[in-house]
Amino acid sequence: MTRPTSASATVRAHLLDVHADLLDTVLACADDIADSWDGDARTDRAAVVEPFECGLDQAGVLDRLPVVLVGAVDALDAELTAKPVAAPPYVAITSVGPVLRATLGSGRLVVTIHAFGVERDPTRYVRGPANPADALAVELRNR
């Protein structure tokens, strides 16, 4: 296996390897929500986020997301300043999907699972990538 060349690539490889089942479950929950729509999009953010968060909770995903965040930080050989919980600022369920955030000494780690996409003019929410590798975004932001 080729070793990732950047910190974000290291985290990404870790998440795709160790947490593949969780990523699949997140995207399956998104499929369930999108399948319940009349048509291929929704214009009401709450009609996407609220049922999606409920589905993630019922699937046991919400309680696992802080563990995923800890693993992502560990993959960087970094440390969190506090134990993350399944609530902001560490874990948020947004209109695009789960967002995990950790403040590190060197900056901020942000992991987003893009289960949904947001299109503009007019604003509408659509189902995002079906493949975990396409849905997963990892950023290291400078302070």
N, C-alpha and C. Protein backbone atom coordinates (compact mmCIF):
# COMPACT_ATOMS: atom_id res chain seq x y z
N MET A 1 0.85 -1.18 0.00
CA MET A 1 0.00 0.00 0.00
C MET A 1 0.89 1.24 0.00
N THR A 2 0.52 2.23 -0.78
CA THR A 2 1.25 3.48 -0.85
C THR A 2 0.90 4.34 0.35
N ARG A 3 1.91 4.91 0.97
CA ARG A 3 1.67 5.77 2.13
C ARG A 3 1.17 7.13 1.66
N PRO A 4 0.09 7.65 2.28
CA PRO A 4 -0.42 8.96 1.91
C PRO A 4 0.65 10.04 2.10
N THR A 5 0.64 11.05 1.24
CA THR A 5 1.68 12.07 1.26
C THR A 5 1.29 13.33 2.01
N SER A 6 0.06 13.48 2.41
CA SER A 6 -0.35 14.67 3.16
C SER A 6 -1.16 14.26 4.37
N ALA A 7 -1.27 15.19 5.32
CA ALA A 7 -2.04 14.90 6.53
C ALA A 7 -3.49 14.59 6.21
N SER A 8 -4.09 15.37 5.31
CA SER A 8 -5.49 15.11 4.97
C SER A 8 -5.64 13.76 4.26
N ALA A 9 -4.66 13.39 3.43
CA ALA A 9 -4.70 12.08 2.77
C ALA A 9 -4.54 10.95 3.78
N THR A 10 -3.74 11.18 4.82
CA THR A 10 -3.57 10.18 5.88
C THR A 10 -4.89 9.93 6.60
N VAL A 11 -5.58 11.01 6.96
CA VAL A 11 -6.87 10.88 7.64
C VAL A 11 -7.88 10.22 6.72
N ARG A 12 -7.92 10.64 5.50
CA ARG A 12 -8.86 10.09 4.52
C ARG A 12 -8.65 8.58 4.37
N ALA A 13 -7.41 8.15 4.20
CA ALA A 13 -7.10 6.72 4.06
C ALA A 13 -7.53 5.96 5.31
N HIS A 14 -7.27 6.53 6.48
CA HIS A 14 -7.67 5.90 7.74
C HIS A 14 -9.19 5.72 7.80
N LEU A 15 -9.92 6.77 7.49
CA LEU A 15 -11.38 6.70 7.58
C LEU A 15 -11.97 5.72 6.58
N LEU A 16 -11.46 5.72 5.36
CA LEU A 16 -11.97 4.80 4.34
C LEU A 16 -11.64 3.35 4.69
N ASP A 17 -10.55 3.13 5.40
CA ASP A 17 -10.15 1.77 5.78
C ASP A 17 -10.86 1.31 7.05
N VAL A 18 -10.75 2.09 8.10
CA VAL A 18 -11.22 1.66 9.42
C VAL A 18 -12.72 1.88 9.61
N HIS A 19 -13.27 2.89 8.97
CA HIS A 19 -14.68 3.23 9.20
C HIS A 19 -15.54 3.10 7.94
N ALA A 20 -15.17 2.19 7.06
CA ALA A 20 -15.92 1.98 5.82
C ALA A 20 -17.38 1.64 6.10
N ASP A 21 -17.62 0.82 7.13
CA ASP A 21 -19.00 0.43 7.45
C ASP A 21 -19.83 1.63 7.89
N LEU A 22 -19.25 2.52 8.67
CA LEU A 22 -19.98 3.71 9.10
C LEU A 22 -20.27 4.62 7.91
N LEU A 23 -19.31 4.81 7.03
CA LEU A 23 -19.53 5.63 5.84
C LEU A 23 -20.65 5.04 4.99
N ASP A 24 -20.65 3.72 4.83
CA ASP A 24 -21.72 3.06 4.08
C ASP A 24 -23.08 3.28 4.74
N THR A 25 -23.11 3.22 6.07
CA THR A 25 -24.37 3.41 6.79
C THR A 25 -24.88 4.84 6.64
N VAL A 26 -23.98 5.82 6.72
CA VAL A 26 -24.38 7.22 6.52
C VAL A 26 -25.02 7.39 5.15
N LEU A 27 -24.38 6.84 4.13
CA LEU A 27 -24.91 6.99 2.77
C LEU A 27 -26.20 6.20 2.57
N ALA A 28 -26.34 5.06 3.25
CA ALA A 28 -27.60 4.31 3.18
C ALA A 28 -28.73 5.10 3.83
N CYS A 29 -28.44 5.77 4.94
CA CYS A 29 -29.45 6.63 5.57
C CYS A 29 -29.86 7.76 4.64
N ALA A 30 -28.89 8.33 3.93
CA ALA A 30 -29.19 9.39 2.96
C ALA A 30 -30.06 8.85 1.83
N ASP A 31 -29.77 7.62 1.38
CA ASP A 31 -30.61 6.99 0.35
C ASP A 31 -32.05 6.87 0.83
N ASP A 32 -32.22 6.43 2.08
CA ASP A 32 -33.57 6.28 2.64
C ASP A 32 -34.32 7.60 2.62
N ILE A 33 -33.64 8.68 2.99
CA ILE A 33 -34.28 9.99 3.00
C ILE A 33 -34.64 10.41 1.58
N ALA A 34 -33.68 10.31 0.66
CA ALA A 34 -33.92 10.73 -0.73
C ALA A 34 -35.01 9.88 -1.39
N ASP A 35 -35.07 8.60 -1.04
CA ASP A 35 -36.10 7.72 -1.60
C ASP A 35 -37.50 8.12 -1.15
N SER A 36 -37.60 8.81 -0.03
CA SER A 36 -38.92 9.22 0.49
C SER A 36 -39.43 10.51 -0.16
N TRP A 37 -38.59 11.18 -0.93
CA TRP A 37 -38.97 12.44 -1.56
C TRP A 37 -39.88 12.22 -2.76
N ASP A 38 -40.73 13.20 -3.02
CA ASP A 38 -41.46 13.26 -4.29
C ASP A 38 -40.54 14.01 -5.25
N GLY A 39 -39.89 13.30 -6.13
CA GLY A 39 -38.93 13.92 -7.04
C GLY A 39 -37.50 13.72 -6.56
N ASP A 40 -36.58 14.43 -7.21
CA ASP A 40 -35.16 14.21 -6.92
C ASP A 40 -34.54 15.26 -6.02
N ALA A 41 -35.35 16.16 -5.45
CA ALA A 41 -34.79 17.22 -4.61
C ALA A 41 -35.83 17.72 -3.61
N ARG A 42 -35.34 18.43 -2.61
CA ARG A 42 -36.20 19.13 -1.63
C ARG A 42 -35.74 20.57 -1.56
N THR A 43 -36.66 21.47 -1.30
CA THR A 43 -36.30 22.88 -1.16
C THR A 43 -36.24 23.32 0.30
N ASP A 44 -36.73 22.48 1.19
CA ASP A 44 -36.78 22.80 2.61
C ASP A 44 -35.64 22.10 3.34
N ARG A 45 -34.70 22.88 3.87
CA ARG A 45 -33.53 22.33 4.57
C ARG A 45 -33.95 21.39 5.71
N ALA A 46 -34.93 21.82 6.49
CA ALA A 46 -35.37 21.02 7.63
C ALA A 46 -35.93 19.67 7.19
N ALA A 47 -36.52 19.61 6.01
CA ALA A 47 -37.06 18.35 5.50
C ALA A 47 -35.96 17.37 5.13
N VAL A 48 -34.74 17.86 5.03
CA VAL A 48 -33.59 16.99 4.76
C VAL A 48 -32.86 16.68 6.06
N VAL A 49 -32.48 17.72 6.79
CA VAL A 49 -31.61 17.55 7.95
C VAL A 49 -32.29 16.79 9.09
N GLU A 50 -33.51 17.17 9.43
CA GLU A 50 -34.17 16.54 10.58
C GLU A 50 -34.40 15.04 10.40
N PRO A 51 -34.99 14.59 9.28
CA PRO A 51 -35.15 13.14 9.14
C PRO A 51 -33.82 12.41 8.97
N PHE A 52 -32.84 13.07 8.35
CA PHE A 52 -31.52 12.45 8.19
C PHE A 52 -30.86 12.24 9.55
N GLU A 53 -30.90 13.25 10.40
CA GLU A 53 -30.32 13.13 11.73
C GLU A 53 -31.03 12.04 12.53
N CYS A 54 -32.34 11.97 12.41
CA CYS A 54 -33.12 10.92 13.09
C CYS A 54 -32.70 9.54 12.59
N GLY A 55 -32.56 9.40 11.27
CA GLY A 55 -32.13 8.12 10.69
C GLY A 55 -30.74 7.72 11.14
N LEU A 56 -29.83 8.70 11.20
CA LEU A 56 -28.47 8.42 11.68
C LEU A 56 -28.49 7.97 13.13
N ASP A 57 -29.34 8.60 13.94
CA ASP A 57 -29.46 8.23 15.34
C ASP A 57 -30.00 6.81 15.47
N GLN A 58 -31.05 6.50 14.73
CA GLN A 58 -31.63 5.15 14.79
C GLN A 58 -30.66 4.08 14.31
N ALA A 59 -29.78 4.44 13.39
CA ALA A 59 -28.79 3.49 12.87
C ALA A 59 -27.56 3.39 13.77
N GLY A 60 -27.52 4.17 14.84
CA GLY A 60 -26.39 4.13 15.76
C GLY A 60 -25.17 4.92 15.30
N VAL A 61 -25.34 5.72 14.28
CA VAL A 61 -24.21 6.47 13.72
C VAL A 61 -23.82 7.65 14.61
N LEU A 62 -24.78 8.39 15.13
CA LEU A 62 -24.46 9.60 15.90
C LEU A 62 -23.53 9.31 17.06
N ASP A 63 -23.78 8.23 17.78
CA ASP A 63 -22.93 7.89 18.92
C ASP A 63 -21.53 7.46 18.50
N ARG A 64 -21.37 7.03 17.26
CA ARG A 64 -20.06 6.57 16.77
C ARG A 64 -19.22 7.70 16.19
N LEU A 65 -19.82 8.80 15.82
CA LEU A 65 -19.08 9.87 15.16
C LEU A 65 -17.96 10.47 16.01
N PRO A 66 -18.14 10.66 17.34
CA PRO A 66 -17.00 11.14 18.13
C PRO A 66 -15.81 10.16 18.11
N VAL A 67 -16.09 8.87 18.08
CA VAL A 67 -15.02 7.86 18.00
C VAL A 67 -14.29 7.98 16.66
N VAL A 68 -15.04 8.23 15.60
CA VAL A 68 -14.44 8.44 14.28
C VAL A 68 -13.52 9.65 14.32
N LEU A 69 -13.96 10.72 14.97
CA LEU A 69 -13.15 11.92 15.07
C LEU A 69 -11.86 11.66 15.85
N VAL A 70 -11.96 10.94 16.95
CA VAL A 70 -10.77 10.59 17.74
C VAL A 70 -9.79 9.79 16.88
N GLY A 71 -10.30 8.83 16.12
CA GLY A 71 -9.45 8.03 15.24
C GLY A 71 -8.78 8.87 14.17
N ALA A 72 -9.49 9.84 13.64
CA ALA A 72 -8.92 10.73 12.63
C ALA A 72 -7.77 11.55 13.22
N VAL A 73 -7.96 12.03 14.43
CA VAL A 73 -6.90 12.80 15.11
C VAL A 73 -5.72 11.88 15.43
N ASP A 74 -6.00 10.68 15.91
CA ASP A 74 -4.94 9.71 16.19
C ASP A 74 -4.13 9.39 14.94
N ALA A 75 -4.78 9.31 13.79
CA ALA A 75 -4.09 9.02 12.54
C ALA A 75 -3.05 10.09 12.21
N LEU A 76 -3.23 11.27 12.76
CA LEU A 76 -2.27 12.37 12.56
C LEU A 76 -1.22 12.43 13.66
N ASP A 77 -1.29 11.48 14.61
CA ASP A 77 -0.43 11.52 15.80
C ASP A 77 -0.60 12.84 16.54
N ALA A 78 -1.83 13.31 16.59
CA ALA A 78 -2.15 14.56 17.28
C ALA A 78 -3.05 14.24 18.47
N GLU A 79 -3.35 15.27 19.25
CA GLU A 79 -4.21 15.09 20.42
C GLU A 79 -5.31 16.13 20.43
N LEU A 80 -6.46 15.70 20.92
CA LEU A 80 -7.58 16.62 21.14
C LEU A 80 -7.41 17.30 22.49
N THR A 81 -7.88 18.53 22.60
CA THR A 81 -7.79 19.23 23.88
C THR A 81 -8.91 18.82 24.82
N ALA A 82 -9.97 18.22 24.29
CA ALA A 82 -11.11 17.77 25.10
C ALA A 82 -11.72 16.54 24.43
N LYS A 83 -12.45 15.77 25.22
CA LYS A 83 -13.12 14.59 24.68
C LYS A 83 -14.32 15.03 23.84
N PRO A 84 -14.38 14.62 22.56
CA PRO A 84 -15.50 15.06 21.71
C PRO A 84 -16.80 14.36 22.08
N VAL A 85 -17.88 15.05 21.82
CA VAL A 85 -19.23 14.52 22.04
C VAL A 85 -19.99 14.61 20.72
N ALA A 86 -21.12 13.91 20.66
CA ALA A 86 -21.93 13.89 19.43
C ALA A 86 -22.81 15.13 19.35
N ALA A 87 -22.18 16.29 19.42
CA ALA A 87 -22.89 17.57 19.35
C ALA A 87 -21.88 18.64 18.93
N PRO A 88 -22.38 19.78 18.45
CA PRO A 88 -21.47 20.87 18.10
C PRO A 88 -20.63 21.27 19.32
N PRO A 89 -19.40 21.66 19.16
CA PRO A 89 -18.73 21.95 17.90
C PRO A 89 -18.05 20.74 17.26
N TYR A 90 -18.07 19.59 17.91
CA TYR A 90 -17.35 18.42 17.39
C TYR A 90 -18.09 17.72 16.26
N VAL A 91 -19.38 17.52 16.43
CA VAL A 91 -20.19 16.81 15.45
C VAL A 91 -21.43 17.65 15.15
N ALA A 92 -21.67 17.87 13.87
CA ALA A 92 -22.88 18.59 13.45
C ALA A 92 -23.46 17.88 12.23
N ILE A 93 -24.77 17.75 12.21
CA ILE A 93 -25.45 17.22 11.02
C ILE A 93 -25.94 18.44 10.25
N THR A 94 -25.36 18.65 9.08
CA THR A 94 -25.65 19.84 8.28
C THR A 94 -26.48 19.45 7.07
N SER A 95 -26.77 20.43 6.23
CA SER A 95 -27.57 20.17 5.02
C SER A 95 -26.82 19.32 4.00
N VAL A 96 -25.51 19.18 4.13
CA VAL A 96 -24.76 18.31 3.22
C VAL A 96 -24.45 16.96 3.85
N GLY A 97 -24.49 16.87 5.18
CA GLY A 97 -24.20 15.62 5.86
C GLY A 97 -23.45 15.86 7.15
N PRO A 98 -22.95 14.79 7.79
CA PRO A 98 -22.20 14.95 9.03
C PRO A 98 -20.90 15.72 8.81
N VAL A 99 -20.61 16.62 9.75
CA VAL A 99 -19.35 17.36 9.76
C VAL A 99 -18.72 17.15 11.13
N LEU A 100 -17.47 16.69 11.13
CA LEU A 100 -16.71 16.45 12.35
C LEU A 100 -15.60 17.48 12.42
N ARG A 101 -15.42 18.11 13.58
CA ARG A 101 -14.41 19.16 13.72
C ARG A 101 -13.56 18.92 14.96
N ALA A 102 -12.25 19.13 14.80
CA ALA A 102 -11.32 19.03 15.93
C ALA A 102 -10.31 20.15 15.84
N THR A 103 -10.09 20.83 16.96
CA THR A 103 -9.05 21.84 17.02
C THR A 103 -7.76 21.16 17.44
N LEU A 104 -6.73 21.35 16.61
CA LEU A 104 -5.42 20.77 16.86
C LEU A 104 -4.43 21.91 17.09
N GLY A 105 -3.25 21.58 17.58
CA GLY A 105 -2.24 22.60 17.79
C GLY A 105 -1.88 23.34 16.52
N SER A 106 -1.91 22.64 15.41
CA SER A 106 -1.51 23.23 14.13
C SER A 106 -2.66 23.83 13.33
N GLY A 107 -3.87 23.65 13.79
CA GLY A 107 -5.01 24.16 13.05
C GLY A 107 -6.28 23.41 13.38
N ARG A 108 -7.14 23.26 12.40
CA ARG A 108 -8.44 22.62 12.61
C ARG A 108 -8.64 21.52 11.59
N LEU A 109 -9.02 20.36 12.08
CA LEU A 109 -9.36 19.22 11.22
C LEU A 109 -10.87 19.25 10.99
N VAL A 110 -11.27 19.20 9.73
CA VAL A 110 -12.70 19.19 9.38
C VAL A 110 -12.94 18.01 8.44
N VAL A 111 -13.81 17.10 8.86
CA VAL A 111 -14.18 15.93 8.06
C VAL A 111 -15.65 16.08 7.70
N THR A 112 -15.96 16.01 6.42
CA THR A 112 -17.35 16.12 5.96
C THR A 112 -17.71 14.89 5.14
N ILE A 113 -18.86 14.31 5.45
CA ILE A 113 -19.40 13.21 4.65
C ILE A 113 -20.53 13.82 3.82
N HIS A 114 -20.26 14.06 2.55
CA HIS A 114 -21.20 14.75 1.66
C HIS A 114 -22.30 13.79 1.19
N ALA A 115 -23.29 13.59 2.05
CA ALA A 115 -24.41 12.72 1.71
C ALA A 115 -25.42 13.43 0.80
N PHE A 116 -25.43 14.76 0.87
CA PHE A 116 -26.33 15.57 0.07
C PHE A 116 -25.55 16.71 -0.58
N GLY A 117 -26.11 17.25 -1.63
CA GLY A 117 -25.54 18.42 -2.28
C GLY A 117 -26.53 19.55 -2.24
N VAL A 118 -26.04 20.76 -2.33
CA VAL A 118 -26.89 21.94 -2.35
C VAL A 118 -26.72 22.61 -3.70
N GLU A 119 -27.82 22.73 -4.43
CA GLU A 119 -27.81 23.43 -5.71
C GLU A 119 -28.46 24.79 -5.52
N ARG A 120 -28.04 25.75 -6.30
CA ARG A 120 -28.52 27.14 -6.16
C ARG A 120 -29.42 27.54 -7.33
N ASP A 121 -30.16 28.61 -7.09
CA ASP A 121 -31.01 29.25 -8.13
C ASP A 121 -32.04 28.32 -8.73
N PRO A 122 -33.04 27.90 -8.06
CA PRO A 122 -33.33 28.12 -6.65
C PRO A 122 -32.59 27.09 -5.78
N THR A 123 -32.49 27.41 -4.49
CA THR A 123 -31.82 26.50 -3.57
C THR A 123 -32.62 25.21 -3.44
N ARG A 124 -31.93 24.11 -3.64
CA ARG A 124 -32.56 22.79 -3.48
C ARG A 124 -31.51 21.81 -3.01
N TYR A 125 -31.96 20.82 -2.29
CA TYR A 125 -31.09 19.80 -1.72
C TYR A 125 -31.28 18.52 -2.51
N VAL A 126 -30.17 17.93 -2.94
CA VAL A 126 -30.20 16.72 -3.76
C VAL A 126 -29.32 15.66 -3.11
N ARG A 127 -29.55 14.43 -3.48
CA ARG A 127 -28.72 13.32 -2.96
C ARG A 127 -27.32 13.49 -3.51
N GLY A 128 -26.33 13.31 -2.67
CA GLY A 128 -24.92 13.47 -3.04
C GLY A 128 -24.32 12.17 -3.54
N PRO A 129 -22.99 12.07 -3.52
CA PRO A 129 -22.31 10.88 -4.03
C PRO A 129 -22.73 9.61 -3.29
N ALA A 130 -22.80 8.51 -4.02
CA ALA A 130 -23.16 7.22 -3.43
C ALA A 130 -21.92 6.45 -2.97
N ASN A 131 -20.76 6.82 -3.46
CA ASN A 131 -19.51 6.13 -3.14
C ASN A 131 -18.84 6.85 -1.96
N PRO A 132 -18.49 6.12 -0.89
CA PRO A 132 -17.85 6.76 0.26
C PRO A 132 -16.60 7.56 -0.10
N ALA A 133 -15.79 7.07 -1.01
CA ALA A 133 -14.57 7.79 -1.39
C ALA A 133 -14.90 9.13 -2.04
N ASP A 134 -16.01 9.19 -2.76
CA ASP A 134 -16.43 10.45 -3.38
C ASP A 134 -17.11 11.38 -2.38
N ALA A 135 -17.76 10.80 -1.39
CA ALA A 135 -18.51 11.60 -0.41
C ALA A 135 -17.63 12.18 0.70
N LEU A 136 -16.48 11.57 0.95
CA LEU A 136 -15.63 11.96 2.07
C LEU A 136 -14.69 13.10 1.71
N ALA A 137 -14.72 14.15 2.52
CA ALA A 137 -13.80 15.28 2.35
C ALA A 137 -13.08 15.53 3.67
N VAL A 138 -11.78 15.71 3.60
CA VAL A 138 -10.96 15.97 4.78
C VAL A 138 -10.15 17.24 4.52
N GLU A 139 -10.25 18.17 5.45
CA GLU A 139 -9.49 19.43 5.34
C GLU A 139 -8.73 19.69 6.62
N LEU A 140 -7.53 20.21 6.47
CA LEU A 140 -6.78 20.74 7.60
C LEU A 140 -6.66 22.23 7.36
N ARG A 141 -7.30 23.00 8.21
CA ARG A 141 -7.32 24.45 8.05
C ARG A 141 -6.34 25.08 9.04
N ASN A 142 -5.60 26.06 8.57
CA ASN A 142 -4.68 26.78 9.44
C ASN A 142 -5.46 27.67 10.39
N ARG A 143 -4.86 27.91 11.54
CA ARG A 143 -5.50 28.79 12.53
C ARG A 143 -5.48 30.20 12.08
